[in-house]
Amino acid sequence: MKKLRVLIADDSALVRKSVRTFLQSCEECEICGDAADGHQALDRAKKLSPDVILLDLALPGLSGFQVVKALRAELPSVTIVIMSQQDPSLLRHAAETVSVEHFIPKSNLAHELVPLLQKLSSQ
């Protein structure tokens, strides 16, 4: 099982801190950095080469959609997990729109994030 390098991109410091807390129990994960806006997310992804980016769609600067598009062109092997406060059915549609397989409503992060990352690390 490989250890996943994870980048957290969310404009909320509270969400970034909460995700860090959730991932402390995930032995398969290592947080390599975080970003508070779309430009930082893209820049840090290029510099840090994470395996997984946990990406909010509603980022200032570049939107999550713009970040996904740029990442697909520049870092096609990175796994993107969209996190959002949107209704799960709208979130599913948004994820499909940008060809992202993994998405988690923010209300479910505590229960779904670590199992998803554990699954990704075993692939």
Protein backbone atom coordinates (compact mmCIF):
# COMPACT_ATOMS: atom_id res chain seq x y z
CA MET A 1 0.00 0.00 0.00
CA LYS A 2 1.48 3.34 -0.99
CA LYS A 3 1.25 6.46 1.14
CA LEU A 4 -0.79 9.13 -0.62
CA ARG A 5 0.46 12.70 -0.68
CA VAL A 6 -2.61 14.91 -0.21
CA LEU A 7 -3.12 18.60 -1.01
CA ILE A 8 -6.13 20.32 0.61
CA ALA A 9 -7.65 23.23 -1.35
CA ASP A 10 -10.46 25.09 0.39
CA ASP A 11 -10.98 28.78 1.12
CA SER A 12 -12.14 27.99 4.67
CA ALA A 13 -9.35 27.65 7.22
CA LEU A 14 -11.81 25.73 9.41
CA VAL A 15 -12.45 23.16 6.65
CA ARG A 16 -8.71 22.78 5.98
CA LYS A 17 -8.10 22.26 9.70
CA SER A 18 -10.97 19.75 9.96
CA VAL A 19 -9.66 17.77 7.00
CA ARG A 20 -6.20 17.69 8.59
CA THR A 21 -7.80 16.34 11.76
CA PHE A 22 -9.69 13.63 9.85
CA LEU A 23 -6.53 12.59 8.03
CA GLN A 24 -4.50 12.18 11.23
CA SER A 25 -6.15 8.77 11.57
CA CYS A 26 -5.28 7.78 7.99
CA GLU A 27 -1.93 5.99 8.03
CA GLU A 28 -2.08 5.78 4.23
CA CYS A 29 -2.05 9.58 3.87
CA GLU A 30 0.45 12.38 4.23
CA ILE A 31 -0.65 15.99 3.91
CA CYS A 32 1.87 17.72 1.66
CA GLY A 33 0.23 21.15 1.73
CA ASP A 34 -2.89 23.26 1.51
CA ALA A 35 -4.26 26.16 -0.46
CA ALA A 36 -6.83 28.87 0.27
CA ASP A 37 -7.67 29.86 -3.33
CA GLY A 38 -7.60 28.51 -6.86
CA HIS A 39 -4.29 30.10 -7.85
CA GLN A 40 -2.57 28.68 -4.76
CA ALA A 41 -4.11 25.27 -5.42
CA LEU A 42 -2.74 25.16 -8.94
CA ASP A 43 0.69 26.54 -7.99
CA ARG A 44 1.10 24.19 -5.03
CA ALA A 45 -0.07 21.20 -7.03
CA LYS A 46 2.63 21.91 -9.61
CA LYS A 47 5.32 22.36 -6.94
CA LEU A 48 4.31 19.55 -4.58
CA SER A 49 3.11 16.87 -7.05
CA PRO A 50 0.45 15.41 -4.76
CA ASP A 51 -1.23 12.10 -5.50
CA VAL A 52 -4.62 13.47 -4.43
CA ILE A 53 -6.09 16.94 -4.33
CA LEU A 54 -9.10 17.56 -2.10
CA LEU A 55 -10.68 20.45 -3.97
CA ASP A 56 -13.51 22.77 -3.07
CA LEU A 57 -15.46 23.96 -6.11
CA ALA A 58 -16.13 27.43 -4.71
CA LEU A 59 -12.59 28.82 -4.52
CA PRO A 60 -11.75 32.49 -4.93
CA GLY A 61 -9.42 33.46 -7.76
CA LEU A 62 -9.73 30.43 -9.99
CA SER A 63 -12.86 28.37 -9.40
CA GLY A 64 -12.58 24.67 -8.65
CA PHE A 65 -13.80 24.02 -12.21
CA GLN A 66 -10.94 26.10 -13.64
CA VAL A 67 -8.43 24.36 -11.38
CA VAL A 68 -9.67 20.93 -12.52
CA LYS A 69 -9.32 21.94 -16.17
CA ALA A 70 -5.75 23.18 -15.62
CA LEU A 71 -4.80 20.11 -13.60
CA ARG A 72 -6.10 17.77 -16.29
CA ALA A 73 -3.76 19.49 -18.75
CA GLU A 74 -0.70 19.82 -16.51
CA LEU A 75 -0.94 16.95 -13.99
CA PRO A 76 -3.15 14.34 -15.64
CA SER A 77 -2.25 11.57 -13.18
CA VAL A 78 -3.39 13.45 -10.04
CA THR A 79 -6.58 12.16 -8.44
CA ILE A 80 -9.07 14.91 -7.72
CA VAL A 81 -11.69 14.61 -5.00
CA ILE A 82 -14.25 17.39 -5.07
CA MET A 83 -15.55 18.61 -1.73
CA SER A 84 -18.59 20.85 -1.72
CA GLN A 85 -21.53 22.07 0.31
CA GLN A 86 -23.81 21.56 -2.69
CA ASP A 87 -26.70 19.14 -2.61
CA PRO A 88 -25.30 15.64 -3.34
CA SER A 89 -27.25 15.30 -6.61
CA LEU A 90 -25.96 18.69 -7.82
CA LEU A 91 -22.48 17.74 -6.65
CA ARG A 92 -22.63 14.49 -8.62
CA HIS A 93 -23.65 16.43 -11.73
CA ALA A 94 -20.88 19.01 -11.20
CA ALA A 95 -18.30 16.26 -10.78
CA GLU A 96 -19.47 14.52 -13.95
CA THR A 97 -19.33 17.84 -15.82
CA VAL A 98 -15.57 18.08 -15.18
CA SER A 99 -14.95 14.31 -15.40
CA VAL A 100 -14.08 13.89 -11.72
CA GLU A 101 -14.92 10.46 -10.34
CA HIS A 102 -14.69 11.21 -6.63
CA PHE A 103 -16.78 13.72 -4.72
CA ILE A 104 -17.84 14.11 -1.12
CA PRO A 105 -20.40 16.50 0.31
CA LYS A 106 -18.69 18.49 3.07
CA SER A 107 -21.35 17.28 5.49
CA ASN A 108 -20.06 13.71 4.92
CA LEU A 109 -16.31 14.37 5.11
CA ALA A 110 -15.98 12.94 8.62
CA HIS A 111 -17.43 9.60 7.49
CA GLU A 112 -16.39 9.27 3.84
CA LEU A 113 -12.98 10.92 3.42
CA VAL A 114 -10.66 8.46 5.17
CA PRO A 115 -12.31 5.33 3.67
CA LEU A 116 -12.07 6.85 0.18
CA LEU A 117 -8.39 7.70 0.60
CA GLN A 118 -7.67 4.24 2.04
CA LYS A 119 -9.33 2.73 -1.02
CA LEU A 120 -7.31 4.97 -3.35
CA SER A 121 -4.05 4.06 -1.61
CA SER A 122 -4.65 0.35 -2.21
CA GLN A 123 -5.14 0.80 -5.97
